[in-house]
Amino acid sequence: MKRLIAVFMCAAPLFVSAKTAILHCEHWPMTMALMSLKNSGMIAGDDIQEKRTKIELMASEKIGRDLYRQVYHMTFYGATGKVIDVITNNQASSVECSVSAVDVYVTGKNIGRR
């Protein structure tokens, strides 16, 4: 019985992290990042090739009951070869991806390995 409890205690964090992974909310911050880039004049119209866009969930932290803070790294590719790296920060839940506004940060230069 003690072994069963020990196995369950070791496996419990896996269930919690699996619940976090269920949130597929990358579309909301991506849309808001594109809108921010257009509003700032960094891109115009349909300059971005959305099919080439790379999105990576960097962090997802539970901050409340069914409320998560998500940080994404996005790489947008322009039709002319321009590359724009963006970091976004927003809150999401299992019911609604747009719980909060999206903070958008354009990175100036990536000096680490990709």
PDB file of N, CA and C in Angstrom:
ATOM      1  N   MET A   1       0.820  -1.189   0.000  1.00  0.00           N
ATOM      2  CA  MET A   1       0.000   0.000   0.000  1.00  0.00           C
ATOM      3  C   MET A   1       0.873   1.266   0.000  1.00  0.00           C
ATOM      4  N   LYS A   2       1.957   1.220   0.779  1.00  0.00           N
ATOM      5  CA  LYS A   2       2.855   2.371   0.829  1.00  0.00           C
ATOM      6  C   LYS A   2       3.496   2.614  -0.529  1.00  0.00           C
ATOM      7  N   ARG A   3       3.807   1.529  -1.247  1.00  0.00           N
ATOM      8  CA  ARG A   3       4.397   1.679  -2.576  1.00  0.00           C
ATOM      9  C   ARG A   3       3.406   2.306  -3.543  1.00  0.00           C
ATOM     10  N   LEU A   4       2.158   1.909  -3.450  1.00  0.00           N
ATOM     11  CA  LEU A   4       1.123   2.470  -4.318  1.00  0.00           C
ATOM     12  C   LEU A   4       0.980   3.972  -4.073  1.00  0.00           C
ATOM     13  N   ILE A   5       0.998   4.365  -2.825  1.00  0.00           N
ATOM     14  CA  ILE A   5       0.913   5.787  -2.485  1.00  0.00           C
ATOM     15  C   ILE A   5       2.142   6.525  -3.003  1.00  0.00           C
ATOM     16  N   ALA A   6       3.323   5.920  -2.860  1.00  0.00           N
ATOM     17  CA  ALA A   6       4.555   6.547  -3.343  1.00  0.00           C
ATOM     18  C   ALA A   6       4.523   6.721  -4.856  1.00  0.00           C
ATOM     19  N   VAL A   7       4.035   5.712  -5.573  1.00  0.00           N
ATOM     20  CA  VAL A   7       3.934   5.804  -7.039  1.00  0.00           C
ATOM     21  C   VAL A   7       2.960   6.908  -7.425  1.00  0.00           C
ATOM     22  N   PHE A   8       1.836   6.981  -6.744  1.00  0.00           N
ATOM     23  CA  PHE A   8       0.851   8.019  -7.041  1.00  0.00           C
ATOM     24  C   PHE A   8       1.430   9.408  -6.773  1.00  0.00           C
ATOM     25  N   MET A   9       2.159   9.564  -5.676  1.00  0.00           N
ATOM     26  CA  MET A   9       2.752  10.864  -5.342  1.00  0.00           C
ATOM     27  C   MET A   9       3.776  11.289  -6.393  1.00  0.00           C
ATOM     28  N   CYS A  10       4.522  10.330  -6.923  1.00  0.00           N
ATOM     29  CA  CYS A  10       5.510  10.648  -7.961  1.00  0.00           C
ATOM     30  C   CYS A  10       4.839  10.979  -9.288  1.00  0.00           C
ATOM     31  N   ALA A  11       3.709  10.343  -9.561  1.00  0.00           N
ATOM     32  CA  ALA A  11       3.024  10.544 -10.840  1.00  0.00           C
ATOM     33  C   ALA A  11       2.098  11.756 -10.822  1.00  0.00           C
ATOM     34  N   ALA A  12       1.723  12.248  -9.665  1.00  0.00           N
ATOM     35  CA  ALA A  12       0.783  13.370  -9.574  1.00  0.00           C
ATOM     36  C   ALA A  12       1.238  14.603 -10.345  1.00  0.00           C
ATOM     37  N   PRO A  13       2.511  15.009 -10.269  1.00  0.00           N
ATOM     38  CA  PRO A  13       2.928  16.182 -11.056  1.00  0.00           C
ATOM     39  C   PRO A  13       2.748  15.991 -12.559  1.00  0.00           C
ATOM     40  N   LEU A  14       2.833  14.764 -13.030  1.00  0.00           N
ATOM     41  CA  LEU A  14       2.630  14.512 -14.456  1.00  0.00           C
ATOM     42  C   LEU A  14       1.205  14.830 -14.873  1.00  0.00           C
ATOM     43  N   PHE A  15       0.247  14.499 -14.008  1.00  0.00           N
ATOM     44  CA  PHE A  15      -1.143  14.799 -14.323  1.00  0.00           C
ATOM     45  C   PHE A  15      -1.396  16.300 -14.323  1.00  0.00           C
ATOM     46  N   VAL A  16      -0.770  17.019 -13.408  1.00  0.00           N
ATOM     47  CA  VAL A  16      -0.929  18.469 -13.347  1.00  0.00           C
ATOM     48  C   VAL A  16      -0.334  19.114 -14.586  1.00  0.00           C
ATOM     49  N   SER A  17       0.884  18.710 -14.972  1.00  0.00           N
ATOM     50  CA  SER A  17       1.504  19.299 -16.157  1.00  0.00           C
ATOM     51  C   SER A  17       0.770  18.890 -17.418  1.00  0.00           C
ATOM     52  N   ALA A  18       0.173  17.715 -17.441  1.00  0.00           N
ATOM     53  CA  ALA A  18      -0.600  17.303 -18.610  1.00  0.00           C
ATOM     54  C   ALA A  18      -1.829  18.185 -18.767  1.00  0.00           C
ATOM     55  N   LYS A  19      -2.439  18.593 -17.655  1.00  0.00           N
ATOM     56  CA  LYS A  19      -3.593  19.477 -17.737  1.00  0.00           C
ATOM     57  C   LYS A  19      -3.192  20.836 -18.300  1.00  0.00           C
ATOM     58  N   THR A  20      -2.019  21.312 -17.938  1.00  0.00           N
ATOM     59  CA  THR A  20      -1.521  22.572 -18.475  1.00  0.00           C
ATOM     60  C   THR A  20      -1.325  22.475 -19.978  1.00  0.00           C
ATOM     61  N   ALA A  21      -0.847  21.330 -20.451  1.00  0.00           N
ATOM     62  CA  ALA A  21      -0.558  21.153 -21.874  1.00  0.00           C
ATOM     63  C   ALA A  21      -1.827  21.103 -22.722  1.00  0.00           C
ATOM     64  N   ILE A  22      -2.984  20.910 -22.107  1.00  0.00           N
ATOM     65  CA  ILE A  22      -4.235  20.829 -22.856  1.00  0.00           C
ATOM     66  C   ILE A  22      -4.595  22.173 -23.487  1.00  0.00           C
ATOM     67  N   LEU A  23      -4.166  23.269 -22.893  1.00  0.00           N
ATOM     68  CA  LEU A  23      -4.497  24.590 -23.422  1.00  0.00           C
ATOM     69  C   LEU A  23      -3.789  24.816 -24.755  1.00  0.00           C
ATOM     70  N   HIS A  24      -4.555  24.986 -25.800  1.00  0.00           N
ATOM     71  CA  HIS A  24      -4.003  25.291 -27.120  1.00  0.00           C
ATOM     72  C   HIS A  24      -4.443  26.701 -27.482  1.00  0.00           C
ATOM     73  N   CYS A  25      -3.776  27.674 -26.906  1.00  0.00           N
ATOM     74  CA  CYS A  25      -4.194  29.069 -27.040  1.00  0.00           C
ATOM     75  C   CYS A  25      -3.193  29.916 -27.805  1.00  0.00           C
ATOM     76  N   GLU A  26      -2.405  29.322 -28.678  1.00  0.00           N
ATOM     77  CA  GLU A  26      -1.397  30.100 -29.392  1.00  0.00           C
ATOM     78  C   GLU A  26      -1.996  31.053 -30.420  1.00  0.00           C
ATOM     79  N   HIS A  27      -3.213  30.790 -30.895  1.00  0.00           N
ATOM     80  CA  HIS A  27      -3.814  31.639 -31.928  1.00  0.00           C
ATOM     81  C   HIS A  27      -4.105  33.056 -31.410  1.00  0.00           C
ATOM     82  N   TRP A  28      -4.594  33.176 -30.180  1.00  0.00           N
ATOM     83  CA  TRP A  28      -4.930  34.489 -29.613  1.00  0.00           C
ATOM     84  C   TRP A  28      -3.701  35.390 -29.496  1.00  0.00           C
ATOM     85  N   PRO A  29      -2.610  34.963 -28.849  1.00  0.00           N
ATOM     86  CA  PRO A  29      -1.452  35.862 -28.781  1.00  0.00           C
ATOM     87  C   PRO A  29      -0.814  36.108 -30.150  1.00  0.00           C
ATOM     88  N   MET A  30      -0.876  35.123 -31.060  1.00  0.00           N
ATOM     89  CA  MET A  30      -0.324  35.337 -32.400  1.00  0.00           C
ATOM     90  C   MET A  30      -1.095  36.430 -33.131  1.00  0.00           C
ATOM     91  N   THR A  31      -2.416  36.383 -33.058  1.00  0.00           N
ATOM     92  CA  THR A  31      -3.245  37.393 -33.710  1.00  0.00           C
ATOM     93  C   THR A  31      -2.982  38.778 -33.123  1.00  0.00           C
ATOM     94  N   MET A  32      -2.883  38.854 -31.805  1.00  0.00           N
ATOM     95  CA  MET A  32      -2.629  40.140 -31.152  1.00  0.00           C
ATOM     96  C   MET A  32      -1.217  40.650 -31.459  1.00  0.00           C
ATOM     97  N   ALA A  33      -0.248  39.752 -31.570  1.00  0.00           N
ATOM     98  CA  ALA A  33       1.116  40.164 -31.922  1.00  0.00           C
ATOM     99  C   ALA A  33       1.144  40.729 -33.338  1.00  0.00           C
ATOM    100  N   LEU A  34       0.467  40.068 -34.278  1.00  0.00           N
ATOM    101  CA  LEU A  34       0.409  40.575 -35.654  1.00  0.00           C
ATOM    102  C   LEU A  34      -0.274  41.938 -35.703  1.00  0.00           C
ATOM    103  N   MET A  35      -1.354  42.097 -34.939  1.00  0.00           N
ATOM    104  CA  MET A  35      -2.054  43.375 -34.899  1.00  0.00           C
ATOM    105  C   MET A  35      -1.140  44.471 -34.331  1.00  0.00           C
ATOM    106  N   SER A  36      -0.395  44.147 -33.280  1.00  0.00           N
ATOM    107  CA  SER A  36       0.532  45.122 -32.691  1.00  0.00           C
ATOM    108  C   SER A  36       1.638  45.493 -33.669  1.00  0.00           C
ATOM    109  N   LEU A  37       2.156  44.514 -34.408  1.00  0.00           N
ATOM    110  CA  LEU A  37       3.197  44.790 -35.402  1.00  0.00           C
ATOM    111  C   LEU A  37       2.662  45.683 -36.518  1.00  0.00           C
ATOM    112  N   LYS A  38       1.419  45.443 -36.939  1.00  0.00           N
ATOM    113  CA  LYS A  38       0.806  46.281 -37.984  1.00  0.00           C
ATOM    114  C   LYS A  38       0.549  47.688 -37.461  1.00  0.00           C
ATOM    115  N   ASN A  39       0.015  47.794 -36.240  1.00  0.00           N
ATOM    116  CA  ASN A  39      -0.282  49.111 -35.667  1.00  0.00           C
ATOM    117  C   ASN A  39       0.979  49.940 -35.426  1.00  0.00           C
ATOM    118  N   SER A  40       2.094  49.278 -35.159  1.00  0.00           N
ATOM    119  CA  SER A  40       3.349  49.999 -34.919  1.00  0.00           C
ATOM    120  C   SER A  40       4.070  50.362 -36.215  1.00  0.00           C
ATOM    121  N   GLY A  41       3.589  49.835 -37.336  1.00  0.00           N
ATOM    122  CA  GLY A  41       4.219  50.126 -38.619  1.00  0.00           C
ATOM    123  C   GLY A  41       5.385  49.216 -38.963  1.00  0.00           C
ATOM    124  N   MET A  42       5.626  48.193 -38.147  1.00  0.00           N
ATOM    125  CA  MET A  42       6.734  47.273 -38.428  1.00  0.00           C
ATOM    126  C   MET A  42       6.437  46.362 -39.616  1.00  0.00           C
ATOM    127  N   ILE A  43       5.148  46.078 -39.834  1.00  0.00           N
ATOM    128  CA  ILE A  43       4.731  45.314 -41.007  1.00  0.00           C
ATOM    129  C   ILE A  43       3.526  46.010 -41.615  1.00  0.00           C
ATOM    130  N   ALA A  44       3.259  45.704 -42.871  1.00  0.00           N
ATOM    131  CA  ALA A  44       2.109  46.310 -43.548  1.00  0.00           C
ATOM    132  C   ALA A  44       1.306  45.217 -44.241  1.00  0.00           C
ATOM    133  N   GLY A  45      -0.010  45.332 -44.116  1.00  0.00           N
ATOM    134  CA  GLY A  45      -0.895  44.410 -44.834  1.00  0.00           C
ATOM    135  C   GLY A  45      -0.588  42.951 -44.572  1.00  0.00           C
ATOM    136  N   ASP A  46      -0.388  42.221 -45.652  1.00  0.00           N
ATOM    137  CA  ASP A  46      -0.136  40.784 -45.563  1.00  0.00           C
ATOM    138  C   ASP A  46       1.337  40.458 -45.789  1.00  0.00           C
ATOM    139  N   ASP A  47       2.230  41.231 -45.177  1.00  0.00           N
ATOM    140  CA  ASP A  47       3.669  41.007 -45.328  1.00  0.00           C
ATOM    141  C   ASP A  47       4.130  39.676 -44.738  1.00  0.00           C
ATOM    142  N   ILE A  48       3.420  39.177 -43.746  1.00  0.00           N
ATOM    143  CA  ILE A  48       3.851  37.982 -43.016  1.00  0.00           C
ATOM    144  C   ILE A  48       3.312  36.718 -43.676  1.00  0.00           C
ATOM    145  N   GLN A  49       4.185  35.738 -43.819  1.00  0.00           N
ATOM    146  CA  GLN A  49       3.791  34.420 -44.325  1.00  0.00           C
ATOM    147  C   GLN A  49       3.377  33.576 -43.120  1.00  0.00           C
ATOM    148  N   GLU A  50       2.086  33.555 -42.827  1.00  0.00           N
ATOM    149  CA  GLU A  50       1.605  32.898 -41.605  1.00  0.00           C
ATOM    150  C   GLU A  50       1.905  31.407 -41.571  1.00  0.00           C
ATOM    151  N   LYS A  51       1.968  30.757 -42.715  1.00  0.00           N
ATOM    152  CA  LYS A  51       2.256  29.319 -42.735  1.00  0.00           C
ATOM    153  C   LYS A  51       3.674  29.016 -42.268  1.00  0.00           C
ATOM    154  N   ARG A  52       4.578  29.969 -42.411  1.00  0.00           N
ATOM    155  CA  ARG A  52       5.966  29.776 -41.973  1.00  0.00           C
ATOM    156  C   ARG A  52       6.181  30.188 -40.521  1.00  0.00           C
ATOM    157  N   THR A  53       5.198  30.814 -39.904  1.00  0.00           N
ATOM    158  CA  THR A  53       5.327  31.298 -38.529  1.00  0.00           C
ATOM    159  C   THR A  53       5.624  30.141 -37.582  1.00  0.00           C
ATOM    160  N   LYS A  54       6.607  30.348 -36.719  1.00  0.00           N
ATOM    161  CA  LYS A  54       6.964  29.346 -35.715  1.00  0.00           C
ATOM    162  C   LYS A  54       6.525  29.853 -34.352  1.00  0.00           C
ATOM    163  N   ILE A  55       5.828  28.987 -33.605  1.00  0.00           N
ATOM    164  CA  ILE A  55       5.325  29.360 -32.286  1.00  0.00           C
ATOM    165  C   ILE A  55       5.796  28.324 -31.277  1.00  0.00           C
ATOM    166  N   GLU A  56       6.389  28.809 -30.186  1.00  0.00           N
ATOM    167  CA  GLU A  56       6.880  27.921 -29.138  1.00  0.00           C
ATOM    168  C   GLU A  56       6.348  28.408 -27.793  1.00  0.00           C
ATOM    169  N   LEU A  57       5.666  27.533 -27.075  1.00  0.00           N
ATOM    170  CA  LEU A  57       5.223  27.854 -25.720  1.00  0.00           C
ATOM    171  C   LEU A  57       6.436  27.743 -24.802  1.00  0.00           C
ATOM    172  N   MET A  58       6.878  28.874 -24.279  1.00  0.00           N
ATOM    173  CA  MET A  58       8.073  28.891 -23.425  1.00  0.00           C
ATOM    174  C   MET A  58       7.738  28.572 -21.974  1.00  0.00           C
ATOM    175  N   ALA A  59       6.569  29.042 -21.508  1.00  0.00           N
ATOM    176  CA  ALA A  59       6.185  28.816 -20.115  1.00  0.00           C
ATOM    177  C   ALA A  59       4.674  28.882 -19.983  1.00  0.00           C
ATOM    178  N   SER A  60       4.157  28.049 -19.100  1.00  0.00           N
ATOM    179  CA  SER A  60       2.744  28.077 -18.748  1.00  0.00           C
ATOM    180  C   SER A  60       2.672  27.844 -17.244  1.00  0.00           C
ATOM    181  N   GLU A  61       2.219  28.853 -16.523  1.00  0.00           N
ATOM    182  CA  GLU A  61       2.204  28.804 -15.064  1.00  0.00           C
ATOM    183  C   GLU A  61       0.773  28.937 -14.562  1.00  0.00           C
ATOM    184  N   LYS A  62       0.370  28.027 -13.694  1.00  0.00           N
ATOM    185  CA  LYS A  62      -0.958  28.114 -13.101  1.00  0.00           C
ATOM    186  C   LYS A  62      -0.935  29.220 -12.059  1.00  0.00           C
ATOM    187  N   ILE A  63      -1.800  30.227 -12.247  1.00  0.00           N
ATOM    188  CA  ILE A  63      -1.809  31.368 -11.324  1.00  0.00           C
ATOM    189  C   ILE A  63      -3.136  31.495 -10.590  1.00  0.00           C
ATOM    190  N   GLY A  64      -4.057  30.595 -10.856  1.00  0.00           N
ATOM    191  CA  GLY A  64      -5.352  30.607 -10.198  1.00  0.00           C
ATOM    192  C   GLY A  64      -6.134  29.373 -10.593  1.00  0.00           C
ATOM    193  N   ARG A  65      -7.333  29.283 -10.092  1.00  0.00           N
ATOM    194  CA  ARG A  65      -8.178  28.146 -10.441  1.00  0.00           C
ATOM    195  C   ARG A  65      -8.540  28.252 -11.919  1.00  0.00           C
ATOM    196  N   ASP A  66      -8.041  27.327 -12.719  1.00  0.00           N
ATOM    197  CA  ASP A  66      -8.245  27.300 -14.170  1.00  0.00           C
ATOM    198  C   ASP A  66      -7.793  28.605 -14.830  1.00  0.00           C
ATOM    199  N   LEU A  67      -6.700  29.172 -14.335  1.00  0.00           N
ATOM    200  CA  LEU A  67      -6.132  30.389 -14.913  1.00  0.00           C
ATOM    201  C   LEU A  67      -4.624  30.211 -15.040  1.00  0.00           C
ATOM    202  N   TYR A  68      -4.110  30.462 -16.229  1.00  0.00           N
ATOM    203  CA  TYR A  68      -2.700  30.226 -16.526  1.00  0.00           C
ATOM    204  C   TYR A  68      -2.080  31.457 -17.163  1.00  0.00           C
ATOM    205  N   ARG A  69      -0.816  31.706 -16.829  1.00  0.00           N
ATOM    206  CA  ARG A  69      -0.027  32.724 -17.519  1.00  0.00           C
ATOM    207  C   ARG A  69       0.806  31.980 -18.549  1.00  0.00           C
ATOM    208  N   GLN A  70       0.715  32.418 -19.801  1.00  0.00           N
ATOM    209  CA  GLN A  70       1.445  31.757 -20.874  1.00  0.00           C
ATOM    210  C   GLN A  70       2.411  32.731 -21.535  1.00  0.00           C
ATOM    211  N   VAL A  71       3.611  32.245 -21.800  1.00  0.00           N
ATOM    212  CA  VAL A  71       4.636  33.027 -22.483  1.00  0.00           C
ATOM    213  C   VAL A  71       5.020  32.272 -23.753  1.00  0.00           C
ATOM    214  N   TYR A  72       4.880  32.948 -24.889  1.00  0.00           N
ATOM    215  CA  TYR A  72       5.193  32.348 -26.186  1.00  0.00           C
ATOM    216  C   TYR A  72       6.351  33.081 -26.853  1.00  0.00           C
ATOM    217  N   HIS A  73       7.145  32.323 -27.601  1.00  0.00           N
ATOM    218  CA  HIS A  73       8.146  32.898 -28.503  1.00  0.00           C
ATOM    219  C   HIS A  73       7.636  32.637 -29.915  1.00  0.00           C
ATOM    220  N   MET A  74       7.510  33.693 -30.698  1.00  0.00           N
ATOM    221  CA  MET A  74       7.005  33.573 -32.068  1.00  0.00           C
ATOM    222  C   MET A  74       8.013  34.161 -33.032  1.00  0.00           C
ATOM    223  N   THR A  75       8.194  33.489 -34.144  1.00  0.00           N
ATOM    224  CA  THR A  75       9.061  33.985 -35.209  1.00  0.00           C
ATOM    225  C   THR A  75       8.210  34.153 -36.452  1.00  0.00           C
ATOM    226  N   PHE A  76       8.111  35.397 -36.921  1.00  0.00           N
ATOM    227  CA  PHE A  76       7.338  35.711 -38.123  1.00  0.00           C
ATOM    228  C   PHE A  76       8.299  35.926 -39.287  1.00  0.00           C
ATOM    229  N   TYR A  77       7.924  35.404 -40.447  1.00  0.00           N
ATOM    230  CA  TYR A  77       8.740  35.542 -41.654  1.00  0.00           C
ATOM    231  C   TYR A  77       7.989  36.393 -42.668  1.00  0.00           C
ATOM    232  N   GLY A  78       8.638  37.445 -43.126  1.00  0.00           N
ATOM    233  CA  GLY A  78       8.038  38.320 -44.123  1.00  0.00           C
ATOM    234  C   GLY A  78       8.270  37.803 -45.526  1.00  0.00           C
ATOM    235  N   ALA A  79       7.479  38.301 -46.463  1.00  0.00           N
ATOM    236  CA  ALA A  79       7.598  37.898 -47.864  1.00  0.00           C
ATOM    237  C   ALA A  79       8.930  38.334 -48.456  1.00  0.00           C
ATOM    238  N   THR A  80       9.517  39.393 -47.906  1.00  0.00           N
ATOM    239  CA  THR A  80      10.788  39.913 -48.426  1.00  0.00           C
ATOM    240  C   THR A  80      12.000  39.313 -47.712  1.00  0.00           C
ATOM    241  N   GLY A  81      11.773  38.367 -46.808  1.00  0.00           N
ATOM    242  CA  GLY A  81      12.869  37.748 -46.071  1.00  0.00           C
ATOM    243  C   GLY A  81      13.081  38.314 -44.683  1.00  0.00           C
ATOM    244  N   LYS A  82      12.325  39.330 -44.323  1.00  0.00           N
ATOM    245  CA  LYS A  82      12.436  39.940 -42.995  1.00  0.00           C
ATOM    246  C   LYS A  82      11.974  38.935 -41.938  1.00  0.00           C
ATOM    247  N   VAL A  83      12.719  38.843 -40.842  1.00  0.00           N
ATOM    248  CA  VAL A  83      12.374  37.948 -39.739  1.00  0.00           C
ATOM    249  C   VAL A  83      12.148  38.796 -38.493  1.00  0.00           C
ATOM    250  N   ILE A  84      11.012  38.576 -37.831  1.00  0.00           N
ATOM    251  CA  ILE A  84      10.680  39.318 -36.612  1.00  0.00           C
ATOM    252  C   ILE A  84      10.428  38.311 -35.500  1.00  0.00           C
ATOM    253  N   ASP A  85      11.209  38.417 -34.415  1.00  0.00           N
ATOM    254  CA  ASP A  85      11.022  37.577 -33.236  1.00  0.00           C
ATOM    255  C   ASP A  85      10.230  38.350 -32.196  1.00  0.00           C
ATOM    256  N   VAL A  86       9.234  37.684 -31.624  1.00  0.00           N
ATOM    257  CA  VAL A  86       8.327  38.319 -30.669  1.00  0.00           C
ATOM    258  C   VAL A  86       8.159  37.405 -29.458  1.00  0.00           C
ATOM    259  N   ILE A  87       8.078  37.997 -28.284  1.00  0.00           N
ATOM    260  CA  ILE A  87       7.714  37.292 -27.056  1.00  0.00           C
ATOM    261  C   ILE A  87       6.364  37.852 -26.617  1.00  0.00           C
ATOM    262  N   THR A  88       5.416  36.961 -26.307  1.00  0.00           N
ATOM    263  CA  THR A  88       4.108  37.413 -25.821  1.00  0.00           C
ATOM    264  C   THR A  88       3.862  36.858 -24.424  1.00  0.00           C
ATOM    265  N   ASN A  89       3.045  37.582 -23.667  1.00  0.00           N
ATOM    266  CA  ASN A  89       2.677  37.203 -22.312  1.00  0.00           C
ATOM    267  C   ASN A  89       1.184  37.465 -22.164  1.00  0.00           C
ATOM    268  N   ASN A  90       0.429  36.445 -21.777  1.00  0.00           N
ATOM    269  CA  ASN A  90      -1.014  36.618 -21.592  1.00  0.00           C
ATOM    270  C   ASN A  90      -1.549  35.580 -20.614  1.00  0.00           C
ATOM    271  N   GLN A  91      -2.813  35.769 -20.233  1.00  0.00           N
ATOM    272  CA  GLN A  91      -3.489  34.817 -19.358  1.00  0.00           C
ATOM    273  C   GLN A  91      -4.550  34.082 -20.155  1.00  0.00           C
ATOM    274  N   ALA A  92      -4.715  32.786 -19.833  1.00  0.00           N
ATOM    275  CA  ALA A  92      -5.683  31.947 -20.536  1.00  0.00           C
ATOM    276  C   ALA A  92      -6.291  30.954 -19.559  1.00  0.00           C
ATOM    277  N   SER A  93      -7.444  30.417 -19.935  1.00  0.00           N
ATOM    278  CA  SER A  93      -8.080  29.363 -19.150  1.00  0.00           C
ATOM    279  C   SER A  93      -8.511  28.256 -20.100  1.00  0.00           C
ATOM    280  N   SER A  94      -9.029  27.175 -19.547  1.00  0.00           N
ATOM    281  CA  SER A  94      -9.476  26.077 -20.401  1.00  0.00           C
ATOM    282  C   SER A  94     -10.744  26.444 -21.164  1.00  0.00           C
ATOM    283  N   VAL A  95     -11.435  27.491 -20.713  1.00  0.00           N
ATOM    284  CA  VAL A  95     -12.669  27.927 -21.364  1.00  0.00           C
ATOM    285  C   VAL A  95     -12.417  29.054 -22.355  1.00  0.00           C
ATOM    286  N   GLU A  96     -11.511  29.973 -22.011  1.00  0.00           N
ATOM    287  CA  GLU A  96     -11.301  31.180 -22.813  1.00  0.00           C
ATOM    288  C   GLU A  96      -9.813  31.480 -22.947  1.00  0.00           C
ATOM    289  N   CYS A  97      -9.346  31.581 -24.175  1.00  0.00           N
ATOM    290  CA  CYS A  97      -7.928  31.899 -24.407  1.00  0.00           C
ATOM    291  C   CYS A  97      -7.638  33.379 -24.203  1.00  0.00           C
ATOM    292  N   SER A  98      -8.634  34.225 -24.387  1.00  0.00           N
ATOM    293  CA  SER A  98      -8.425  35.674 -24.320  1.00  0.00           C
ATOM    294  C   SER A  98      -8.867  36.246 -22.975  1.00  0.00           C
ATOM    295  N   VAL A  99      -8.392  35.658 -21.885  1.00  0.00           N
ATOM    296  CA  VAL A  99      -8.752  36.130 -20.550  1.00  0.00           C
ATOM    297  C   VAL A  99      -8.168  37.514 -20.296  1.00  0.00           C
ATOM    298  N   SER A 100      -6.985  37.779 -20.836  1.00  0.00           N
ATOM    299  CA  SER A 100      -6.341  39.072 -20.615  1.00  0.00           C
ATOM    300  C   SER A 100      -5.845  39.636 -21.937  1.00  0.00           C
ATOM    301  N   ALA A 101      -5.396  40.877 -21.857  1.00  0.00           N
ATOM    302  CA  ALA A 101      -4.722  41.470 -23.013  1.00  0.00           C
ATOM    303  C   ALA A 101      -3.390  40.749 -23.209  1.00  0.00           C
ATOM    304  N   VAL A 102      -2.797  40.919 -24.371  1.00  0.00           N
ATOM    305  CA  VAL A 102      -1.526  40.270 -24.685  1.00  0.00           C
ATOM    306  C   VAL A 102      -0.417  41.322 -24.669  1.00  0.00           C
ATOM    307  N   ASP A 103       0.602  41.090 -23.853  1.00  0.00           N
ATOM    308  CA  ASP A 103       1.797  41.932 -23.877  1.00  0.00           C
ATOM    309  C   ASP A 103       2.688  41.414 -24.994  1.00  0.00           C
ATOM    310  N   VAL A 104       3.129  42.309 -25.880  1.00  0.00           N
ATOM    311  CA  VAL A 104       3.945  41.919 -27.036  1.00  0.00           C
ATOM    312  C   VAL A 104       5.293  42.618 -26.938  1.00  0.00           C
ATOM    313  N   TYR A 105       6.361  41.837 -26.991  1.00  0.00           N
ATOM    314  CA  TYR A 105       7.725  42.359 -26.931  1.00  0.00           C
ATOM    315  C   TYR A 105       8.470  41.906 -28.178  1.00  0.00           C
ATOM    316  N   VAL A 106       8.993  42.845 -28.936  1.00  0.00           N
ATOM    317  CA  VAL A 106       9.794  42.517 -30.114  1.00  0.00           C
ATOM    318  C   VAL A 106      11.240  42.417 -29.656  1.00  0.00           C
ATOM    319  N   THR A 107      11.861  41.279 -29.927  1.00  0.00           N
ATOM    320  CA  THR A 107      13.257  41.110 -29.526  1.00  0.00           C
ATOM    321  C   THR A 107      14.153  41.750 -30.570  1.00  0.00           C
ATOM    322  N   GLY A 108      15.182  42.413 -30.107  1.00  0.00           N
ATOM    323  CA  GLY A 108      16.081  43.123 -31.009  1.00  0.00           C
ATOM    324  C   GLY A 108      17.037  42.207 -31.732  1.00  0.00           C
ATOM    325  N   LYS A 109      17.584  41.242 -30.998  1.00  0.00           N
ATOM    326  CA  LYS A 109      18.587  40.383 -31.603  1.00  0.00           C
ATOM    327  C   LYS A 109      18.709  39.121 -30.765  1.00  0.00           C
ATOM    328  N   ASN A 110      18.768  37.984 -31.411  1.00  0.00           N
ATOM    329  CA  ASN A 110      18.954  36.720 -30.720  1.00  0.00           C
ATOM    330  C   ASN A 110      20.443  36.392 -30.758  1.00  0.00           C
ATOM    331  N   ILE A 111      21.110  36.433 -29.596  1.00  0.00           N
ATOM    332  CA  ILE A 111      22.547  36.184 -29.574  1.00  0.00           C
ATOM    333  C   ILE A 111      22.881  34.768 -29.125  1.00  0.00           C
ATOM    334  N   GLY A 112      21.875  34.012 -28.723  1.00  0.00           N
ATOM    335  CA  GLY A 112      22.079  32.613 -28.344  1.00  0.00           C
ATOM    336  C   GLY A 112      21.900  31.711 -29.546  1.00  0.00           C
ATOM    337  N   ARG A 113      22.071  30.430 -29.326  1.00  0.00           N
ATOM    338  CA  ARG A 113      21.852  29.502 -30.435  1.00  0.00           C
ATOM    339  C   ARG A 113      20.367  29.292 -30.643  1.00  0.00           C
ATOM    340  N   ARG A 114      19.978  28.938 -31.835  1.00  0.00           N
ATOM    341  CA  ARG A 114      18.559  28.754 -32.162  1.00  0.00           C
ATOM    342  C   ARG A 114      18.191  27.326 -32.111  1.00  0.00           C
TER     343      ARG A 114
END
